[in-house]
C-alpha atoms as a PDB file:
ATOM      1  CA  MET A   1      -0.086  -0.030   0.116  1.00  0.00           C
ATOM      2  CA  GLY A   2       1.020   3.667  -0.907  1.00  0.00           C
ATOM      3  CA  PHE A   3       0.244   6.770   0.719  1.00  0.00           C
ATOM      4  CA  PHE A   4       0.892   8.981  -2.353  1.00  0.00           C
ATOM      5  CA  ARG A   5       0.416   8.841  -6.158  1.00  0.00           C
ATOM      6  CA  LYS A   6       0.421  10.952  -9.282  1.00  0.00           C
ATOM      7  CA  VAL A   7      -1.836   9.619 -11.758  1.00  0.00           C
ATOM      8  CA  PRO A   8      -1.979  10.713 -15.561  1.00  0.00           C
ATOM      9  CA  CYS A   9      -5.443  10.515 -16.917  1.00  0.00           C
ATOM     10  CA  PRO A  10      -6.001  10.476 -20.623  1.00  0.00           C
ATOM     11  CA  ALA A  11      -8.406  12.251 -22.838  1.00  0.00           C
ATOM     12  CA  LYS A  12     -10.540  10.067 -25.496  1.00  0.00           C
ATOM     13  CA  LEU A  13     -11.693  10.215 -29.023  1.00  0.00           C
ATOM     14  CA  ASN A  14     -14.599   8.947 -30.607  1.00  0.00           C
ATOM     15  CA  LEU A  15     -13.544   7.441 -34.103  1.00  0.00           C
ATOM     16  CA  TYR A  16     -17.266   6.538 -34.395  1.00  0.00           C
ATOM     17  CA  LEU A  17     -20.160   7.801 -32.316  1.00  0.00           C
ATOM     18  CA  GLY A  18     -23.792   6.720 -32.976  1.00  0.00           C
ATOM     19  CA  VAL A  19     -26.950   7.492 -30.649  1.00  0.00           C
ATOM     20  CA  THR A  20     -29.199   4.688 -31.455  1.00  0.00           C
ATOM     21  CA  GLY A  21     -32.232   5.560 -29.280  1.00  0.00           C
ATOM     22  CA  ARG A  22     -33.527   6.998 -26.312  1.00  0.00           C
ATOM     23  CA  ARG A  23     -34.195   4.588 -23.172  1.00  0.00           C
ATOM     24  CA  ASP A  24     -37.322   4.472 -20.633  1.00  0.00           C
ATOM     25  CA  ASP A  25     -34.779   5.342 -18.041  1.00  0.00           C
ATOM     26  CA  ASN A  26     -34.329   9.064 -20.468  1.00  0.00           C
ATOM     27  CA  TYR A  27     -30.457   8.165 -20.908  1.00  0.00           C
ATOM     28  CA  HIS A  28     -29.862   7.232 -24.669  1.00  0.00           C
ATOM     29  CA  ASP A  29     -28.134   4.180 -26.125  1.00  0.00           C
ATOM     30  CA  ILE A  30     -25.326   4.447 -28.023  1.00  0.00           C
ATOM     31  CA  ALA A  31     -22.424   2.874 -30.230  1.00  0.00           C
ATOM     32  CA  SER A  32     -18.909   4.010 -30.307  1.00  0.00           C
ATOM     33  CA  LEU A  33     -15.187   3.252 -31.196  1.00  0.00           C
ATOM     34  CA  ALA A  34     -12.969   4.935 -28.360  1.00  0.00           C
ATOM     35  CA  VAL A  35      -9.401   5.641 -28.137  1.00  0.00           C
ATOM     36  CA  GLN A  36      -7.618   7.209 -25.608  1.00  0.00           C
ATOM     37  CA  LEU A  37      -5.035   9.928 -26.438  1.00  0.00           C
ATOM     38  CA  ASN A  38      -1.701  11.302 -25.262  1.00  0.00           C
ATOM     39  CA  LEU A  39      -3.228  14.251 -23.891  1.00  0.00           C
ATOM     40  CA  PHE A  40      -3.683  14.204 -19.874  1.00  0.00           C
ATOM     41  CA  ASP A  41      -5.090  15.344 -16.930  1.00  0.00           C
ATOM     42  CA  HIS A  42      -3.098  14.891 -13.495  1.00  0.00           C
ATOM     43  CA  LEU A  43      -4.204  13.588 -10.214  1.00  0.00           C
ATOM     44  CA  GLN A  44      -2.193  13.675  -6.976  1.00  0.00           C
ATOM     45  CA  ILE A  45      -3.976  11.442  -4.508  1.00  0.00           C
ATOM     46  CA  ARG A  46      -2.853  11.328  -1.075  1.00  0.00           C
ATOM     47  CA  LEU A  47      -4.126   9.276   1.886  1.00  0.00           C
ATOM     48  CA  SER A  48      -3.424  10.424   5.600  1.00  0.00           C
ATOM     49  CA  GLU A  49      -3.864   8.859   8.994  1.00  0.00           C
ATOM     50  CA  ILE A  50      -4.759  12.373  10.655  1.00  0.00           C
ATOM     51  CA  PRO A  51      -8.537  12.464  10.701  1.00  0.00           C
ATOM     52  CA  GLY A  52     -10.363  14.940   8.927  1.00  0.00           C
ATOM     53  CA  ASP A  53     -12.645  15.779   5.982  1.00  0.00           C
ATOM     54  CA  ASP A  54     -11.729  14.620   2.194  1.00  0.00           C
ATOM     55  CA  THR A  55     -10.483  17.451   0.290  1.00  0.00           C
ATOM     56  CA  MET A  56      -9.980  18.347  -3.349  1.00  0.00           C
ATOM     57  CA  VAL A  57      -8.363  21.430  -5.012  1.00  0.00           C
ATOM     58  CA  CYS A  58      -7.892  22.241  -8.729  1.00  0.00           C
ATOM     59  CA  ASP A  59      -5.657  24.738 -10.799  1.00  0.00           C
ATOM     60  CA  VAL A  60      -8.771  25.891 -12.884  1.00  0.00           C
ATOM     61  CA  PRO A  61     -11.042  27.854 -10.797  1.00  0.00           C
ATOM     62  CA  GLU A  62     -14.472  27.195 -12.355  1.00  0.00           C
ATOM     63  CA  ILE A  63     -13.888  23.603 -11.613  1.00  0.00           C
ATOM     64  CA  PRO A  64     -16.389  22.507  -8.547  1.00  0.00           C
ATOM     65  CA  THR A  65     -14.100  20.520  -6.061  1.00  0.00           C
ATOM     66  CA  ASP A  66     -16.870  19.766  -3.999  1.00  0.00           C
ATOM     67  CA  HIS A  67     -19.520  16.341  -4.128  1.00  0.00           C
ATOM     68  CA  THR A  68     -20.671  17.339  -7.866  1.00  0.00           C
ATOM     69  CA  ASN A  69     -17.115  17.035  -8.982  1.00  0.00           C
ATOM     70  CA  SER A  70     -16.765  13.411 -10.605  1.00  0.00           C
ATOM     71  CA  VAL A  71     -13.891  12.572  -8.794  1.00  0.00           C
ATOM     72  CA  MET A  72     -15.550  13.420  -5.411  1.00  0.00           C
ATOM     73  CA  LYS A  73     -18.896  11.664  -6.377  1.00  0.00           C
ATOM     74  CA  ALA A  74     -16.588   8.256  -7.225  1.00  0.00           C
ATOM     75  CA  LEU A  75     -14.807   8.665  -3.562  1.00  0.00           C
ATOM     76  CA  GLY A  76     -18.308   9.049  -1.934  1.00  0.00           C
ATOM     77  CA  LEU A  77     -19.454   5.947  -3.994  1.00  0.00           C
ATOM     78  CA  PHE A  78     -16.250   3.758  -3.111  1.00  0.00           C
ATOM     79  CA  ARG A  79     -16.534   5.012   0.589  1.00  0.00           C
ATOM     80  CA  LYS A  80     -20.146   3.473   0.552  1.00  0.00           C
ATOM     81  CA  MET A  81     -18.773   0.177  -0.615  1.00  0.00           C
ATOM     82  CA  TYR A  82     -15.589  -0.108   1.469  1.00  0.00           C
ATOM     83  CA  ASP A  83     -15.291   2.384   4.682  1.00  0.00           C
ATOM     84  CA  PHE A  84     -11.643   2.673   4.628  1.00  0.00           C
ATOM     85  CA  PRO A  85      -9.964   4.727   7.772  1.00  0.00           C
ATOM     86  CA  TYR A  86      -7.894   7.056   5.717  1.00  0.00           C
ATOM     87  CA  ARG A  87      -8.605  10.659   4.802  1.00  0.00           C
ATOM     88  CA  VAL A  88      -8.083  11.521   0.876  1.00  0.00           C
ATOM     89  CA  SER A  89      -6.746  14.886  -0.646  1.00  0.00           C
ATOM     90  CA  VAL A  90      -6.846  15.431  -4.120  1.00  0.00           C
ATOM     91  CA  SER A  91      -5.097  17.756  -6.241  1.00  0.00           C
ATOM     92  CA  LEU A  92      -6.583  18.093  -9.936  1.00  0.00           C
ATOM     93  CA  GLU A  93      -4.152  19.772 -12.560  1.00  0.00           C
ATOM     94  CA  LYS A  94      -6.378  20.103 -15.831  1.00  0.00           C
ATOM     95  CA  ASN A  95      -5.186  20.030 -19.139  1.00  0.00           C
ATOM     96  CA  ILE A  96      -7.910  18.760 -20.968  1.00  0.00           C
ATOM     97  CA  PRO A  97     -10.429  21.396 -21.779  1.00  0.00           C
ATOM     98  CA  ILE A  98     -13.914  21.611 -20.059  1.00  0.00           C
ATOM     99  CA  GLY A  99     -17.117  20.724 -22.598  1.00  0.00           C
ATOM    100  CA  SER A 100     -15.079  19.607 -25.020  1.00  0.00           C
ATOM    101  CA  GLY A 101     -16.186  15.861 -25.431  1.00  0.00           C
ATOM    102  CA  LEU A 102     -12.751  14.607 -24.704  1.00  0.00           C
ATOM    103  CA  GLY A 103     -13.716  12.978 -21.595  1.00  0.00           C
ATOM    104  CA  GLY A 104     -11.740  14.791 -19.215  1.00  0.00           C
ATOM    105  CA  SER A 105     -14.041  14.528 -16.093  1.00  0.00           C
ATOM    106  CA  GLY A 106     -14.835  11.075 -16.811  1.00  0.00           C
ATOM    107  CA  SER A 107     -11.007   9.898 -17.399  1.00  0.00           C
ATOM    108  CA  ASP A 108     -10.288  11.857 -13.898  1.00  0.00           C
ATOM    109  CA  ALA A 109     -13.028   9.708 -12.019  1.00  0.00           C
ATOM    110  CA  ALA A 110     -12.047   6.426 -13.479  1.00  0.00           C
ATOM    111  CA  PHE A 111      -8.376   6.816 -12.927  1.00  0.00           C
ATOM    112  CA  PHE A 112      -8.996   8.034  -9.291  1.00  0.00           C
ATOM    113  CA  LEU A 113     -10.978   5.015  -8.760  1.00  0.00           C
ATOM    114  CA  LYS A 114      -8.432   2.402 -10.472  1.00  0.00           C
ATOM    115  CA  THR A 115      -5.698   4.121  -8.143  1.00  0.00           C
ATOM    116  CA  LEU A 116      -7.380   4.317  -5.087  1.00  0.00           C
ATOM    117  CA  ASN A 117      -8.468   0.821  -5.410  1.00  0.00           C
ATOM    118  CA  GLU A 118      -4.626  -0.170  -6.057  1.00  0.00           C
ATOM    119  CA  MET A 119      -3.474   1.747  -2.886  1.00  0.00           C
ATOM    120  CA  LEU A 120      -5.885   0.167  -0.559  1.00  0.00           C
ATOM    121  CA  ALA A 121      -4.933  -3.213  -1.889  1.00  0.00           C
ATOM    122  CA  PHE A 122      -7.416  -3.893  -4.234  1.00  0.00           C
ATOM    123  CA  PRO A 123     -10.711  -4.563  -1.880  1.00  0.00           C
ATOM    124  CA  ILE A 124     -13.114  -3.661  -4.832  1.00  0.00           C
ATOM    125  CA  SER A 125     -13.354  -6.062  -7.885  1.00  0.00           C
ATOM    126  CA  ASP A 126     -13.398  -5.009 -11.409  1.00  0.00           C
ATOM    127  CA  ALA A 127     -16.676  -5.773 -11.995  1.00  0.00           C
ATOM    128  CA  ASP A 128     -17.920  -3.440  -8.948  1.00  0.00           C
ATOM    129  CA  LEU A 129     -15.481  -0.759 -10.219  1.00  0.00           C
ATOM    130  CA  GLN A 130     -17.353  -0.747 -13.468  1.00  0.00           C
ATOM    131  CA  LEU A 131     -21.065  -0.749 -11.847  1.00  0.00           C
ATOM    132  CA  MET A 132     -19.611   2.124  -9.569  1.00  0.00           C
ATOM    133  CA  ALA A 133     -17.812   4.018 -12.572  1.00  0.00           C
ATOM    134  CA  ALA A 134     -21.213   3.796 -14.513  1.00  0.00           C
ATOM    135  CA  LYS A 135     -22.803   5.700 -11.417  1.00  0.00           C
ATOM    136  CA  VAL A 136     -20.484   8.596 -11.697  1.00  0.00           C
ATOM    137  CA  GLY A 137     -21.272   9.085 -15.338  1.00  0.00           C
ATOM    138  CA  SER A 138     -21.860   7.790 -18.623  1.00  0.00           C
ATOM    139  CA  ASP A 139     -18.263   8.341 -19.920  1.00  0.00           C
ATOM    140  CA  VAL A 140     -16.217   6.926 -17.091  1.00  0.00           C
ATOM    141  CA  PRO A 141     -16.560   3.087 -17.625  1.00  0.00           C
ATOM    142  CA  LEU A 142     -14.779   3.218 -20.839  1.00  0.00           C
ATOM    143  CA  PHE A 143     -11.553   4.457 -19.070  1.00  0.00           C
ATOM    144  CA  LEU A 144     -11.392   1.571 -16.956  1.00  0.00           C
ATOM    145  CA  SER A 145     -10.979  -0.442 -20.181  1.00  0.00           C
ATOM    146  CA  SER A 146      -8.377  -0.797 -22.645  1.00  0.00           C
ATOM    147  CA  SER A 147      -7.816   1.787 -25.393  1.00  0.00           C
ATOM    148  CA  PRO A 148      -9.317   1.255 -27.822  1.00  0.00           C
ATOM    149  CA  CYS A 149     -12.724  -0.180 -26.905  1.00  0.00           C
ATOM    150  CA  ILE A 150     -16.108  -0.244 -27.888  1.00  0.00           C
ATOM    151  CA  VAL A 151     -18.963   1.262 -26.067  1.00  0.00           C
ATOM    152  CA  LYS A 152     -22.202   0.480 -25.808  1.00  0.00           C
ATOM    153  CA  GLY A 153     -25.565   0.986 -23.919  1.00  0.00           C
ATOM    154  CA  ARG A 154     -25.382   4.302 -22.043  1.00  0.00           C
ATOM    155  CA  GLY A 155     -21.684   4.009 -21.845  1.00  0.00           C
ATOM    156  CA  ASP A 156     -21.818   1.201 -19.272  1.00  0.00           C
ATOM    157  CA  CYS A 157     -21.103  -1.758 -21.834  1.00  0.00           C
ATOM    158  CA  VAL A 158     -17.633  -1.634 -22.531  1.00  0.00           C
ATOM    159  CA  ALA A 159     -15.925  -4.419 -24.801  1.00  0.00           C
ATOM    160  CA  SER A 160     -12.021  -4.311 -25.093  1.00  0.00           C
ATOM    161  CA  VAL A 161     -10.544  -4.050 -28.627  1.00  0.00           C
ATOM    162  CA  ASN A 162      -7.020  -6.062 -29.532  1.00  0.00           C
ATOM    163  CA  PRO A 163      -4.834  -2.571 -30.177  1.00  0.00           C
ATOM    164  CA  GLU A 164      -3.212  -4.453 -32.971  1.00  0.00           C
ATOM    165  CA  ARG A 165      -6.575  -3.791 -34.828  1.00  0.00           C
ATOM    166  CA  LEU A 166      -5.685  -0.143 -34.625  1.00  0.00           C
ATOM    167  CA  ASP A 167      -2.159  -0.427 -35.778  1.00  0.00           C
ATOM    168  CA  GLY A 168      -2.940   2.155 -38.460  1.00  0.00           C
ATOM    169  CA  LEU A 169      -3.388   4.841 -36.129  1.00  0.00           C
ATOM    170  CA  ARG A 170       0.130   4.451 -34.914  1.00  0.00           C
ATOM    171  CA  LYS A 171       1.174   6.220 -38.112  1.00  0.00           C
ATOM    172  CA  VAL A 172      -0.601   9.229 -37.853  1.00  0.00           C
ATOM    173  CA  LYS A 173      -0.482  12.408 -35.326  1.00  0.00           C
ATOM    174  CA  ILE A 174      -3.724  13.671 -34.273  1.00  0.00           C
ATOM    175  CA  LEU A 175      -4.510  17.631 -34.112  1.00  0.00           C
ATOM    176  CA  VAL A 176      -7.415  18.103 -31.516  1.00  0.00           C
ATOM    177  CA  PHE A 177      -9.009  21.573 -31.155  1.00  0.00           C
ATOM    178  CA  LYS A 178     -11.720  23.239 -29.519  1.00  0.00           C
ATOM    179  CA  PRO A 179     -13.110  26.839 -29.702  1.00  0.00           C
ATOM    180  CA  ILE A 180     -13.507  28.826 -26.600  1.00  0.00           C
ATOM    181  CA  PHE A 181     -17.498  27.958 -26.516  1.00  0.00           C
ATOM    182  CA  SER A 182     -18.630  24.582 -25.269  1.00  0.00           C
ATOM    183  CA  MET A 183     -21.654  22.623 -26.332  1.00  0.00           C
ATOM    184  CA  ASP A 184     -23.287  21.142 -23.096  1.00  0.00           C
ATOM    185  CA  SER A 185     -23.839  17.342 -23.493  1.00  0.00           C
ATOM    186  CA  GLN A 186     -27.740  17.823 -22.088  1.00  0.00           C
ATOM    187  CA  GLN A 187     -28.259  20.525 -24.761  1.00  0.00           C
ATOM    188  CA  ALA A 188     -26.714  18.415 -27.659  1.00  0.00           C
ATOM    189  CA  TYR A 189     -29.258  15.209 -26.685  1.00  0.00           C
ATOM    190  CA  ASP A 190     -32.135  17.614 -26.344  1.00  0.00           C
ATOM    191  CA  ILE A 191     -31.858  19.060 -29.617  1.00  0.00           C
ATOM    192  CA  LEU A 192     -31.402  15.290 -30.956  1.00  0.00           C
ATOM    193  CA  ASP A 193     -34.734  14.496 -29.396  1.00  0.00           C
ATOM    194  CA  ILE A 194     -36.853  17.105 -31.181  1.00  0.00           C
ATOM    195  CA  PRO A 195     -39.429  14.923 -33.170  1.00  0.00           C
ATOM    196  CA  GLY A 196     -38.552  15.045 -36.773  1.00  0.00           C
ATOM    197  CA  SER A 197     -35.398  17.107 -36.478  1.00  0.00           C
ATOM    198  CA  TRP A 198     -32.646  13.747 -36.324  1.00  0.00           C
ATOM    199  CA  ASN A 199     -32.606  10.436 -36.778  1.00  0.00           C
ATOM    200  CA  TYR A 200     -31.143   7.875 -34.307  1.00  0.00           C
ATOM    201  CA  ALA A 201     -28.622   5.408 -35.951  1.00  0.00           C
ATOM    202  CA  ASN A 202     -29.837   1.985 -36.700  1.00  0.00           C
ATOM    203  CA  GLN A 203     -27.947  -0.415 -34.141  1.00  0.00           C
ATOM    204  CA  THR A 204     -26.873  -2.929 -36.376  1.00  0.00           C
ATOM    205  CA  VAL A 205     -25.558  -0.535 -38.817  1.00  0.00           C
ATOM    206  CA  ALA A 206     -23.769   1.352 -36.037  1.00  0.00           C
ATOM    207  CA  THR A 207     -22.222  -2.253 -35.175  1.00  0.00           C
ATOM    208  CA  ASN A 208     -21.411  -2.909 -38.605  1.00  0.00           C
ATOM    209  CA  PHE A 209     -19.938   0.745 -39.293  1.00  0.00           C
ATOM    210  CA  ILE A 210     -17.267   0.005 -36.458  1.00  0.00           C
ATOM    211  CA  GLN A 211     -16.320  -3.411 -37.534  1.00  0.00           C
ATOM    212  CA  ASN A 212     -15.702  -2.275 -41.023  1.00  0.00           C
ATOM    213  CA  LEU A 213     -13.565   0.951 -39.611  1.00  0.00           C
ATOM    214  CA  LEU A 214     -11.688  -1.536 -37.583  1.00  0.00           C
ATOM    215  CA  SER A 215     -11.071  -4.025 -40.571  1.00  0.00           C
ATOM    216  CA  ALA A 216      -9.930  -0.954 -42.427  1.00  0.00           C
ATOM    217  CA  TYR A 217      -7.599   0.089 -39.985  1.00  0.00           C
ATOM    218  CA  GLU A 218      -6.233  -3.544 -39.592  1.00  0.00           C
ATOM    219  CA  SER A 219      -5.625  -3.545 -43.568  1.00  0.00           C
ATOM    220  CA  GLY A 220      -4.290  -0.246 -43.941  1.00  0.00           C
ATOM    221  CA  THR A 221      -7.380   1.014 -46.035  1.00  0.00           C
ATOM    222  CA  TYR A 222      -8.685   3.211 -43.396  1.00  0.00           C
ATOM    223  CA  ASP A 223     -10.276   6.866 -44.830  1.00  0.00           C
ATOM    224  CA  SER A 224     -10.252   9.365 -42.551  1.00  0.00           C
ATOM    225  CA  GLN A 225     -13.450  10.829 -44.440  1.00  0.00           C
ATOM    226  CA  SER A 226     -15.748   7.971 -43.362  1.00  0.00           C
ATOM    227  CA  TYR A 227     -15.895   9.196 -39.479  1.00  0.00           C
ATOM    228  CA  LEU A 228     -19.323   9.845 -38.433  1.00  0.00           C
ATOM    229  CA  ASN A 229     -20.647  11.316 -35.271  1.00  0.00           C
ATOM    230  CA  THR A 230     -24.421  11.972 -34.808  1.00  0.00           C
ATOM    231  CA  PHE A 231     -23.659  15.154 -33.365  1.00  0.00           C
ATOM    232  CA  GLU A 232     -21.355  16.586 -36.252  1.00  0.00           C
ATOM    233  CA  SER A 233     -24.364  18.260 -37.988  1.00  0.00           C
ATOM    234  CA  ILE A 234     -25.896  19.560 -34.531  1.00  0.00           C
ATOM    235  CA  VAL A 235     -22.671  21.150 -33.320  1.00  0.00           C
ATOM    236  CA  ALA A 236     -21.778  22.618 -36.927  1.00  0.00           C
ATOM    237  CA  GLY A 237     -25.379  23.684 -37.282  1.00  0.00           C
ATOM    238  CA  LYS A 238     -25.376  25.932 -33.807  1.00  0.00           C
ATOM    239  CA  TYR A 239     -21.962  27.148 -34.293  1.00  0.00           C
ATOM    240  CA  THR A 240     -21.192  28.499 -37.719  1.00  0.00           C
ATOM    241  CA  GLU A 241     -17.339  28.591 -36.970  1.00  0.00           C
ATOM    242  CA  ILE A 242     -17.168  24.556 -36.895  1.00  0.00           C
ATOM    243  CA  GLY A 243     -19.497  24.305 -39.681  1.00  0.00           C
ATOM    244  CA  LEU A 244     -16.891  26.692 -41.629  1.00  0.00           C
ATOM    245  CA  ILE A 245     -14.158  24.366 -40.804  1.00  0.00           C
ATOM    246  CA  PHE A 246     -15.559  21.073 -42.001  1.00  0.00           C
ATOM    247  CA  LYS A 247     -16.213  23.100 -45.124  1.00  0.00           C
ATOM    248  CA  ASP A 248     -12.860  24.336 -45.619  1.00  0.00           C
ATOM    249  CA  MET A 249     -10.842  21.465 -44.527  1.00  0.00           C
ATOM    250  CA  PRO A 250     -11.494  19.268 -47.552  1.00  0.00           C
ATOM    251  CA  GLU A 251     -11.460  22.420 -50.197  1.00  0.00           C
ATOM    252  CA  TYR A 252      -8.230  23.933 -48.995  1.00  0.00           C
ATOM    253  CA  PHE A 253      -6.078  21.331 -47.025  1.00  0.00           C
ATOM    254  CA  LYS A 254      -7.493  18.180 -48.311  1.00  0.00           C
ATOM    255  CA  LEU A 255      -8.309  17.050 -45.112  1.00  0.00           C
ATOM    256  CA  PHE A 256     -11.329  16.045 -42.773  1.00  0.00           C
ATOM    257  CA  ALA A 257     -12.272  17.420 -39.414  1.00  0.00           C
ATOM    258  CA  HIS A 258     -14.691  15.517 -37.264  1.00  0.00           C
ATOM    259  CA  LEU A 259     -16.390  16.162 -33.827  1.00  0.00           C
ATOM    260  CA  THR A 260     -15.125  13.821 -31.283  1.00  0.00           C
ATOM    261  CA  GLY A 261     -17.998  13.714 -28.775  1.00  0.00           C
ATOM    262  CA  THR A 262     -20.774  15.642 -27.802  1.00  0.00           C
ATOM    263  CA  GLY A 263     -18.844  18.917 -26.988  1.00  0.00           C
ATOM    264  CA  SER A 264     -17.121  21.212 -29.347  1.00  0.00           C
ATOM    265  CA  ALA A 265     -13.611  19.658 -29.697  1.00  0.00           C
ATOM    266  CA  CYS A 266     -12.770  18.382 -33.085  1.00  0.00           C
ATOM    267  CA  PHE A 267      -9.740  16.453 -34.548  1.00  0.00           C
ATOM    268  CA  VAL A 268      -7.960  15.787 -37.713  1.00  0.00           C
ATOM    269  CA  LEU A 269      -5.639  12.850 -38.679  1.00  0.00           C
ATOM    270  CA  LEU A 270      -2.536  13.905 -40.292  1.00  0.00           C
ATOM    271  CA  ARG A 271       0.509  12.069 -41.792  1.00  0.00           C
ATOM    272  CA  GLU A 272       3.745  11.837 -39.994  1.00  0.00           C
ATOM    273  CA  ASP A 273       5.427  14.359 -42.419  1.00  0.00           C
ATOM    274  CA  TYR A 274       2.417  16.861 -42.579  1.00  0.00           C
ATOM    275  CA  ASP A 275       3.702  20.446 -41.997  1.00  0.00           C
ATOM    276  CA  VAL A 276       0.841  21.416 -39.524  1.00  0.00           C
ATOM    277  CA  GLU A 277       1.585  25.307 -38.979  1.00  0.00           C
ATOM    278  CA  PRO A 278      -0.176  26.654 -41.815  1.00  0.00           C
ATOM    279  CA  LEU A 279      -3.190  24.419 -40.519  1.00  0.00           C
ATOM    280  CA  VAL A 280      -3.097  26.048 -36.852  1.00  0.00           C
ATOM    281  CA  GLU A 281      -2.580  29.250 -38.419  1.00  0.00           C
ATOM    282  CA  TYR A 282      -5.968  28.836 -40.351  1.00  0.00           C
ATOM    283  CA  LEU A 283      -7.562  27.517 -37.027  1.00  0.00           C
ATOM    284  CA  CYS A 284      -6.548  30.265 -35.097  1.00  0.00           C
ATOM    285  CA  GLU A 285      -7.843  32.830 -37.545  1.00  0.00           C
ATOM    286  CA  VAL A 286     -11.479  31.047 -37.272  1.00  0.00           C
ATOM    287  CA  LEU A 287     -11.388  30.140 -33.831  1.00  0.00           C
ATOM    288  CA  GLY A 288      -9.213  33.046 -32.075  1.00  0.00           C
ATOM    289  CA  GLU A 289      -6.108  32.851 -30.479  1.00  0.00           C
ATOM    290  CA  THR A 290      -8.056  31.483 -27.366  1.00  0.00           C
ATOM    291  CA  ALA A 291      -8.649  28.263 -28.912  1.00  0.00           C
ATOM    292  CA  PHE A 292      -7.135  25.266 -27.700  1.00  0.00           C
ATOM    293  CA  ILE A 293      -5.220  23.218 -30.204  1.00  0.00           C
ATOM    294  CA  ALA A 294      -3.024  20.313 -29.341  1.00  0.00           C
ATOM    295  CA  LEU A 295      -0.978  18.165 -31.386  1.00  0.00           C
ATOM    296  CA  THR A 296      -1.207  14.294 -29.968  1.00  0.00           C
ATOM    297  CA  ARG A 297      -0.930  10.714 -30.726  1.00  0.00           C
ATOM    298  CA  PRO A 298      -3.232   7.766 -30.162  1.00  0.00           C
ATOM    299  CA  ARG A 299      -2.699   5.859 -26.759  1.00  0.00           C
ATOM    300  CA  LEU A 300      -2.791   2.241 -28.034  1.00  0.00           C
ATOM    301  CA  VAL A 301      -2.478  -0.023 -24.766  1.00  0.00           C
ATOM    302  CA  PRO A 302      -4.008  -3.323 -23.884  1.00  0.00           C
ATOM    303  CA  ALA A 303      -6.304  -3.602 -20.534  1.00  0.00           C
END
């Protein structure tokens, strides 16, 4: 057992995201192929034998550090299942932008759960950790799995994918960009639910698309034009800057940009030798100098 850990918490990218229907519990069923990125938040976790309340601090003032934070919510659920005698202090360094669809808060919670369980000599089973993660948030369970993984249900059904099936991604770099504005997930789903406005993806079609995408990566025949995200047209329709980028990329750069989640972050796949500077200059011109822009790579690791 250790009393201090520093933990990197990776962002994620949805290479495919289809919403296949609305559930009776008011959640939505999805089908997604997700991969983690070498873009990280950082958690510091301390256990203390000195009595007192659990605490959390963050270097981004607008992020709450009370029970509404995903990490503190995860801690509360953990204590209900296993009442350990130590006080927990958490410090969060935030690098994954908020409201981006890159899964920052979900990753923070998942890696906190995994690490705390390890620090306490594994009192909680993997299956119970998955159940706990699903109670924290829909995008938490995928971070307990390997990268890549297939996500279904409301995010609680996660199946690991052999990283070798995405070997083609090892040959690319990924430019992630996000404007200063964000798309709230609930707002995105509310727009999707307007009768007659949008169509849910067919579950069978979504499953086949994911398998075809995996096969294309395996054979080296993937095409960046073929990525799909149910929310892409919703976000592009609401924010003209995103719509303009989607239109300009193929015309001026021979590239295709895509939305990654329900937020406003997008990505584009680039060859190893691609000169990224003109593209970054263009994005800054359209989105402003305050835009988040990061060059990263996929994190392909087994469970």
